[in-house]
Amino acid sequence: QVQLVESGGGLVQPGGSLRLSCTASGFTLAGYAIGWFRQGSGNEREKIACVSTRDGATYYTDSVKGRFTISSDNAANTVTLQMDSLKYGDAGDYFCAAGRSTAVTDMYCSPYSYDYEYWGLGTQVTVSS
């Protein structure tokens, strides 16, 4: 069965850290671009960070630069999102997605759902004191 599974969400205080994982089964992440997206309450899904497993290129949206780090481990078939210095605005449901033909540069990663063949069901991040 082909699927992406996110894990690592939870409750954290402002300023704290969480490490999200996106693990693929039924296919190999190598060769794909992986994006992390966030959907807050009542908000549209927004692109947070992307990584290309082909060349290691990464992209971050401005609001998370310097705080979040995305990385891929092809051997483990997993992409992680290290989130530090979390803020209230970082709360939401986090989804990972894999796109075979999606390009990633430090300036761009596709925000469009149709550019990603596989999506996970999400993991929730709550930031609260």
N, C-alpha and C. Protein backbone atom coordinates (compact mmCIF):
# COMPACT_ATOMS: atom_id res chain seq x y z
N GLN A 1 0.84 -1.19 0.00
CA GLN A 1 0.00 0.00 0.00
C GLN A 1 0.88 1.24 0.00
N VAL A 2 0.62 2.14 -0.94
CA VAL A 2 1.39 3.36 -1.06
C VAL A 2 0.82 4.40 -0.10
N GLN A 3 1.66 4.90 0.78
CA GLN A 3 1.19 5.93 1.68
C GLN A 3 2.33 6.72 2.28
N LEU A 4 1.96 7.92 2.74
CA LEU A 4 2.85 8.76 3.54
C LEU A 4 2.23 8.88 4.92
N VAL A 5 3.06 8.75 5.93
CA VAL A 5 2.56 8.85 7.29
C VAL A 5 3.38 9.88 8.05
N GLU A 6 2.67 10.88 8.59
CA GLU A 6 3.33 11.89 9.40
C GLU A 6 3.27 11.49 10.87
N SER A 7 4.28 11.89 11.61
CA SER A 7 4.30 11.64 13.05
C SER A 7 5.10 12.73 13.72
N GLY A 8 4.98 12.80 15.04
CA GLY A 8 5.79 13.74 15.81
C GLY A 8 5.06 14.97 16.30
N GLY A 9 3.82 15.14 15.90
CA GLY A 9 3.08 16.30 16.37
C GLY A 9 2.74 16.18 17.85
N GLY A 10 2.27 17.28 18.40
CA GLY A 10 1.90 17.26 19.81
C GLY A 10 1.74 18.65 20.35
N LEU A 11 1.73 18.73 21.66
CA LEU A 11 1.57 20.00 22.38
C LEU A 11 2.94 20.50 22.82
N VAL A 12 3.21 21.76 22.55
CA VAL A 12 4.49 22.34 22.91
C VAL A 12 4.27 23.77 23.35
N GLN A 13 5.09 24.23 24.26
CA GLN A 13 5.01 25.62 24.70
C GLN A 13 5.70 26.53 23.69
N PRO A 14 5.32 27.78 23.65
CA PRO A 14 6.03 28.74 22.79
C PRO A 14 7.52 28.73 23.11
N GLY A 15 8.33 28.73 22.07
CA GLY A 15 9.77 28.64 22.24
C GLY A 15 10.30 27.23 22.23
N GLY A 16 9.41 26.26 22.29
CA GLY A 16 9.82 24.86 22.31
C GLY A 16 10.09 24.30 20.93
N SER A 17 10.36 23.01 20.89
CA SER A 17 10.73 22.33 19.64
C SER A 17 9.91 21.06 19.44
N LEU A 18 9.71 20.73 18.20
CA LEU A 18 9.13 19.46 17.80
C LEU A 18 9.85 18.98 16.56
N ARG A 19 9.85 17.67 16.39
CA ARG A 19 10.46 17.08 15.21
C ARG A 19 9.41 16.22 14.53
N LEU A 20 9.00 16.64 13.34
CA LEU A 20 8.01 15.89 12.57
C LEU A 20 8.71 14.96 11.59
N SER A 21 8.12 13.81 11.40
CA SER A 21 8.64 12.85 10.42
C SER A 21 7.57 12.53 9.39
N CYS A 22 8.03 12.29 8.19
CA CYS A 22 7.17 11.87 7.08
C CYS A 22 7.80 10.61 6.50
N THR A 23 7.15 9.49 6.69
CA THR A 23 7.71 8.21 6.27
C THR A 23 6.85 7.61 5.16
N ALA A 24 7.52 7.19 4.12
CA ALA A 24 6.82 6.60 2.98
C ALA A 24 6.83 5.08 3.07
N SER A 25 5.76 4.49 2.63
CA SER A 25 5.71 3.04 2.47
C SER A 25 5.07 2.73 1.13
N GLY A 26 5.51 1.66 0.51
CA GLY A 26 4.96 1.27 -0.78
C GLY A 26 5.65 1.95 -1.95
N PHE A 27 6.50 2.91 -1.68
CA PHE A 27 7.29 3.54 -2.72
C PHE A 27 8.53 4.17 -2.08
N THR A 28 9.48 4.55 -2.93
CA THR A 28 10.73 5.12 -2.45
C THR A 28 10.72 6.63 -2.64
N LEU A 29 11.07 7.34 -1.57
CA LEU A 29 11.08 8.79 -1.64
C LEU A 29 12.20 9.34 -2.53
N ALA A 30 13.24 8.57 -2.70
CA ALA A 30 14.35 9.02 -3.53
C ALA A 30 13.83 9.38 -4.92
N GLY A 31 14.18 10.58 -5.36
CA GLY A 31 13.72 11.06 -6.66
C GLY A 31 12.53 11.99 -6.57
N TYR A 32 11.96 12.09 -5.37
CA TYR A 32 10.79 12.96 -5.18
C TYR A 32 11.18 14.27 -4.49
N ALA A 33 10.35 15.26 -4.71
CA ALA A 33 10.36 16.46 -3.89
C ALA A 33 9.32 16.27 -2.80
N ILE A 34 9.69 16.61 -1.58
CA ILE A 34 8.79 16.45 -0.44
C ILE A 34 8.48 17.82 0.13
N GLY A 35 7.23 18.09 0.30
CA GLY A 35 6.81 19.35 0.88
C GLY A 35 6.09 19.14 2.20
N TRP A 36 6.30 20.06 3.11
CA TRP A 36 5.51 20.12 4.34
C TRP A 36 4.56 21.30 4.22
N PHE A 37 3.31 21.06 4.54
CA PHE A 37 2.28 22.08 4.46
C PHE A 37 1.60 22.19 5.82
N ARG A 38 1.10 23.37 6.11
CA ARG A 38 0.42 23.60 7.38
C ARG A 38 -0.97 24.16 7.10
N GLN A 39 -1.93 23.69 7.86
CA GLN A 39 -3.28 24.23 7.78
C GLN A 39 -3.74 24.56 9.19
N GLY A 40 -3.87 25.86 9.44
CA GLY A 40 -4.37 26.31 10.73
C GLY A 40 -5.88 26.36 10.74
N SER A 41 -6.45 26.60 11.87
CA SER A 41 -7.90 26.63 12.01
C SER A 41 -8.50 27.71 11.12
N GLY A 42 -9.36 27.29 10.20
CA GLY A 42 -10.03 28.23 9.32
C GLY A 42 -9.16 28.80 8.22
N ASN A 43 -7.93 28.31 8.13
CA ASN A 43 -7.02 28.86 7.13
C ASN A 43 -6.79 27.89 5.98
N GLU A 44 -6.32 28.44 4.90
CA GLU A 44 -5.95 27.59 3.78
C GLU A 44 -4.65 26.86 4.09
N ARG A 45 -4.45 25.76 3.41
CA ARG A 45 -3.21 25.02 3.56
C ARG A 45 -2.08 25.86 2.96
N GLU A 46 -1.01 26.03 3.70
CA GLU A 46 0.11 26.81 3.21
C GLU A 46 1.39 25.97 3.20
N LYS A 47 2.22 26.29 2.24
CA LYS A 47 3.48 25.60 2.09
C LYS A 47 4.47 26.11 3.12
N ILE A 48 5.17 25.21 3.80
CA ILE A 48 6.11 25.60 4.85
C ILE A 48 7.55 25.37 4.43
N ALA A 49 7.84 24.18 3.97
CA ALA A 49 9.21 23.83 3.60
C ALA A 49 9.19 22.68 2.61
N CYS A 50 10.23 22.63 1.79
CA CYS A 50 10.35 21.56 0.81
C CYS A 50 11.79 21.10 0.72
N VAL A 51 11.96 19.87 0.30
CA VAL A 51 13.29 19.34 0.04
C VAL A 51 13.25 18.46 -1.19
N SER A 52 14.29 18.58 -1.99
CA SER A 52 14.43 17.68 -3.14
C SER A 52 15.34 16.52 -2.74
N THR A 53 14.85 15.31 -2.85
CA THR A 53 15.69 14.16 -2.56
C THR A 53 16.66 13.88 -3.70
N ARG A 54 16.51 14.59 -4.80
CA ARG A 54 17.40 14.41 -5.95
C ARG A 54 18.71 15.15 -5.73
N ASP A 55 18.61 16.43 -5.31
CA ASP A 55 19.83 17.22 -5.19
C ASP A 55 19.98 17.89 -3.83
N GLY A 56 19.05 17.65 -2.93
CA GLY A 56 19.15 18.20 -1.58
C GLY A 56 18.72 19.64 -1.45
N ALA A 57 18.22 20.25 -2.53
CA ALA A 57 17.78 21.63 -2.45
C ALA A 57 16.64 21.77 -1.44
N THR A 58 16.64 22.87 -0.73
CA THR A 58 15.60 23.11 0.25
C THR A 58 14.97 24.48 0.05
N TYR A 59 13.74 24.56 0.49
CA TYR A 59 12.98 25.80 0.43
C TYR A 59 12.28 25.99 1.76
N TYR A 60 12.21 27.25 2.21
CA TYR A 60 11.46 27.59 3.42
C TYR A 60 10.64 28.84 3.18
N THR A 61 9.43 28.83 3.68
CA THR A 61 8.67 30.05 3.63
C THR A 61 9.27 31.04 4.63
N ASP A 62 9.09 32.32 4.38
CA ASP A 62 9.80 33.34 5.17
C ASP A 62 9.54 33.22 6.67
N SER A 63 8.34 32.87 7.04
CA SER A 63 7.98 32.87 8.46
C SER A 63 8.71 31.79 9.27
N VAL A 64 9.31 30.81 8.61
CA VAL A 64 9.97 29.74 9.35
C VAL A 64 11.48 29.71 9.13
N LYS A 65 11.98 30.57 8.28
CA LYS A 65 13.42 30.58 8.01
C LYS A 65 14.20 30.84 9.29
N GLY A 66 15.24 30.05 9.49
CA GLY A 66 16.06 30.18 10.68
C GLY A 66 15.52 29.42 11.88
N ARG A 67 14.31 28.93 11.80
CA ARG A 67 13.70 28.18 12.91
C ARG A 67 13.42 26.72 12.56
N PHE A 68 13.07 26.47 11.32
CA PHE A 68 12.74 25.11 10.87
C PHE A 68 13.84 24.58 9.96
N THR A 69 14.05 23.29 10.03
CA THR A 69 15.03 22.63 9.17
C THR A 69 14.41 21.37 8.59
N ILE A 70 14.43 21.28 7.26
CA ILE A 70 13.91 20.08 6.60
C ILE A 70 15.09 19.25 6.10
N SER A 71 14.98 17.95 6.23
CA SER A 71 16.04 17.07 5.77
C SER A 71 15.46 15.74 5.32
N SER A 72 16.19 15.09 4.46
CA SER A 72 15.73 13.79 3.97
C SER A 72 16.75 12.71 4.29
N ASP A 73 16.25 11.54 4.57
CA ASP A 73 17.08 10.36 4.80
C ASP A 73 16.58 9.29 3.86
N ASN A 74 17.21 9.20 2.72
CA ASN A 74 16.73 8.26 1.70
C ASN A 74 16.80 6.81 2.18
N ALA A 75 17.80 6.49 2.98
CA ALA A 75 17.92 5.12 3.48
C ALA A 75 16.75 4.75 4.37
N ALA A 76 16.28 5.72 5.14
CA ALA A 76 15.15 5.48 6.04
C ALA A 76 13.81 5.77 5.37
N ASN A 77 13.88 6.27 4.13
CA ASN A 77 12.65 6.62 3.39
C ASN A 77 11.81 7.62 4.18
N THR A 78 12.50 8.58 4.79
CA THR A 78 11.85 9.52 5.69
C THR A 78 12.37 10.93 5.45
N VAL A 79 11.47 11.88 5.58
CA VAL A 79 11.83 13.30 5.59
C VAL A 79 11.41 13.87 6.94
N THR A 80 12.28 14.64 7.54
CA THR A 80 11.97 15.22 8.85
C THR A 80 11.89 16.74 8.75
N LEU A 81 11.12 17.29 9.65
CA LEU A 81 11.01 18.74 9.78
C LEU A 81 11.29 19.07 11.25
N GLN A 82 12.46 19.61 11.51
CA GLN A 82 12.83 20.05 12.85
C GLN A 82 12.32 21.45 13.04
N MET A 83 11.49 21.62 14.05
CA MET A 83 10.86 22.92 14.29
C MET A 83 11.32 23.44 15.65
N ASP A 84 12.03 24.54 15.64
CA ASP A 84 12.54 25.15 16.85
C ASP A 84 11.92 26.53 17.04
N SER A 85 12.03 27.03 18.25
CA SER A 85 11.51 28.37 18.57
C SER A 85 10.08 28.52 18.09
N LEU A 86 9.26 27.56 18.42
CA LEU A 86 7.89 27.54 17.94
C LEU A 86 7.09 28.71 18.48
N LYS A 87 6.19 29.21 17.64
CA LYS A 87 5.34 30.34 17.97
C LYS A 87 3.88 29.91 17.91
N TYR A 88 3.02 30.74 18.47
CA TYR A 88 1.58 30.42 18.42
C TYR A 88 1.12 30.25 16.97
N GLY A 89 1.65 31.05 16.08
CA GLY A 89 1.23 30.99 14.68
C GLY A 89 1.67 29.75 13.94
N ASP A 90 2.53 28.94 14.57
CA ASP A 90 2.97 27.70 13.94
C ASP A 90 1.98 26.55 14.16
N ALA A 91 1.00 26.77 14.98
CA ALA A 91 0.05 25.70 15.29
C ALA A 91 -0.79 25.35 14.07
N GLY A 92 -1.17 24.09 14.00
CA GLY A 92 -2.02 23.64 12.91
C GLY A 92 -1.79 22.18 12.60
N ASP A 93 -2.44 21.74 11.56
CA ASP A 93 -2.23 20.38 11.07
C ASP A 93 -1.14 20.43 10.01
N TYR A 94 -0.15 19.57 10.17
CA TYR A 94 0.98 19.53 9.26
C TYR A 94 0.87 18.29 8.38
N PHE A 95 1.00 18.52 7.08
CA PHE A 95 0.89 17.46 6.09
C PHE A 95 2.18 17.39 5.29
N CYS A 96 2.59 16.19 4.93
CA CYS A 96 3.68 16.06 3.97
C CYS A 96 3.12 15.52 2.66
N ALA A 97 3.81 15.86 1.58
CA ALA A 97 3.38 15.47 0.26
C ALA A 97 4.59 15.17 -0.61
N ALA A 98 4.45 14.27 -1.54
CA ALA A 98 5.55 13.87 -2.42
C ALA A 98 5.18 14.10 -3.87
N GLY A 99 6.08 14.77 -4.58
CA GLY A 99 5.85 15.06 -5.98
C GLY A 99 7.03 14.61 -6.82
N ARG A 100 6.76 13.75 -7.82
CA ARG A 100 7.86 13.18 -8.61
C ARG A 100 8.50 14.24 -9.50
N SER A 101 7.71 15.14 -10.05
CA SER A 101 8.23 16.10 -11.02
C SER A 101 8.32 17.51 -10.46
N THR A 102 8.17 17.63 -9.18
CA THR A 102 8.15 18.96 -8.56
C THR A 102 9.58 19.46 -8.33
N ALA A 103 9.86 20.64 -8.80
CA ALA A 103 11.18 21.23 -8.62
C ALA A 103 11.25 21.98 -7.30
N VAL A 104 12.44 22.01 -6.73
CA VAL A 104 12.67 22.74 -5.49
C VAL A 104 13.92 23.59 -5.66
N THR A 105 13.79 24.87 -5.34
CA THR A 105 14.95 25.74 -5.25
C THR A 105 14.83 26.50 -3.94
N ASP A 106 15.83 27.28 -3.63
CA ASP A 106 15.75 28.05 -2.39
C ASP A 106 14.73 29.18 -2.50
N MET A 107 14.25 29.41 -3.70
CA MET A 107 13.28 30.49 -3.92
C MET A 107 11.88 29.96 -4.22
N TYR A 108 11.78 28.68 -4.55
CA TYR A 108 10.47 28.20 -5.00
C TYR A 108 10.27 26.73 -4.69
N CYS A 109 9.03 26.43 -4.33
CA CYS A 109 8.55 25.06 -4.24
C CYS A 109 7.04 25.15 -4.50
N SER A 110 6.53 24.27 -5.28
CA SER A 110 5.14 24.38 -5.71
C SER A 110 4.17 24.36 -4.54
N PRO A 111 3.24 25.31 -4.52
CA PRO A 111 2.20 25.31 -3.51
C PRO A 111 0.93 24.56 -3.94
N TYR A 112 0.95 23.99 -5.15
CA TYR A 112 -0.26 23.43 -5.73
C TYR A 112 -0.41 21.94 -5.42
N SER A 113 -1.56 21.56 -4.95
CA SER A 113 -1.81 20.17 -4.58
C SER A 113 -1.60 19.23 -5.75
N TYR A 114 -1.93 19.68 -6.94
CA TYR A 114 -1.86 18.78 -8.10
C TYR A 114 -0.43 18.44 -8.50
N ASP A 115 0.55 19.14 -7.91
CA ASP A 115 1.95 18.82 -8.20
C ASP A 115 2.50 17.73 -7.29
N TYR A 116 1.67 17.23 -6.40
CA TYR A 116 2.12 16.20 -5.46
C TYR A 116 1.22 14.97 -5.60
N GLU A 117 1.82 13.83 -5.91
CA GLU A 117 1.04 12.62 -6.15
C GLU A 117 0.53 11.99 -4.85
N TYR A 118 1.29 12.13 -3.80
CA TYR A 118 0.94 11.46 -2.55
C TYR A 118 0.88 12.48 -1.40
N TRP A 119 -0.10 12.28 -0.55
CA TRP A 119 -0.29 13.12 0.63
C TRP A 119 -0.50 12.24 1.86
N GLY A 120 0.03 12.71 2.99
CA GLY A 120 -0.27 12.05 4.24
C GLY A 120 -1.56 12.61 4.84
N LEU A 121 -1.98 12.02 5.95
CA LEU A 121 -3.20 12.45 6.61
C LEU A 121 -2.98 13.55 7.63
N GLY A 122 -1.73 13.84 7.94
CA GLY A 122 -1.44 14.97 8.79
C GLY A 122 -1.15 14.60 10.23
N THR A 123 -0.46 15.52 10.90
CA THR A 123 -0.20 15.41 12.34
C THR A 123 -0.40 16.80 12.93
N GLN A 124 -0.99 16.83 14.11
CA GLN A 124 -1.39 18.11 14.68
C GLN A 124 -0.30 18.68 15.59
N VAL A 125 -0.08 19.96 15.44
CA VAL A 125 0.86 20.69 16.29
C VAL A 125 0.08 21.77 17.04
N THR A 126 0.17 21.73 18.35
CA THR A 126 -0.49 22.71 19.20
C THR A 126 0.57 23.48 19.96
N VAL A 127 0.51 24.79 19.88
CA VAL A 127 1.45 25.63 20.61
C VAL A 127 0.66 26.40 21.67
N SER A 128 0.95 26.10 22.90
CA SER A 128 0.17 26.70 23.98
C SER A 128 0.99 26.74 25.25
N SER A 129 0.78 27.78 26.03
CA SER A 129 1.45 27.87 27.33
C SER A 129 0.55 27.32 28.43
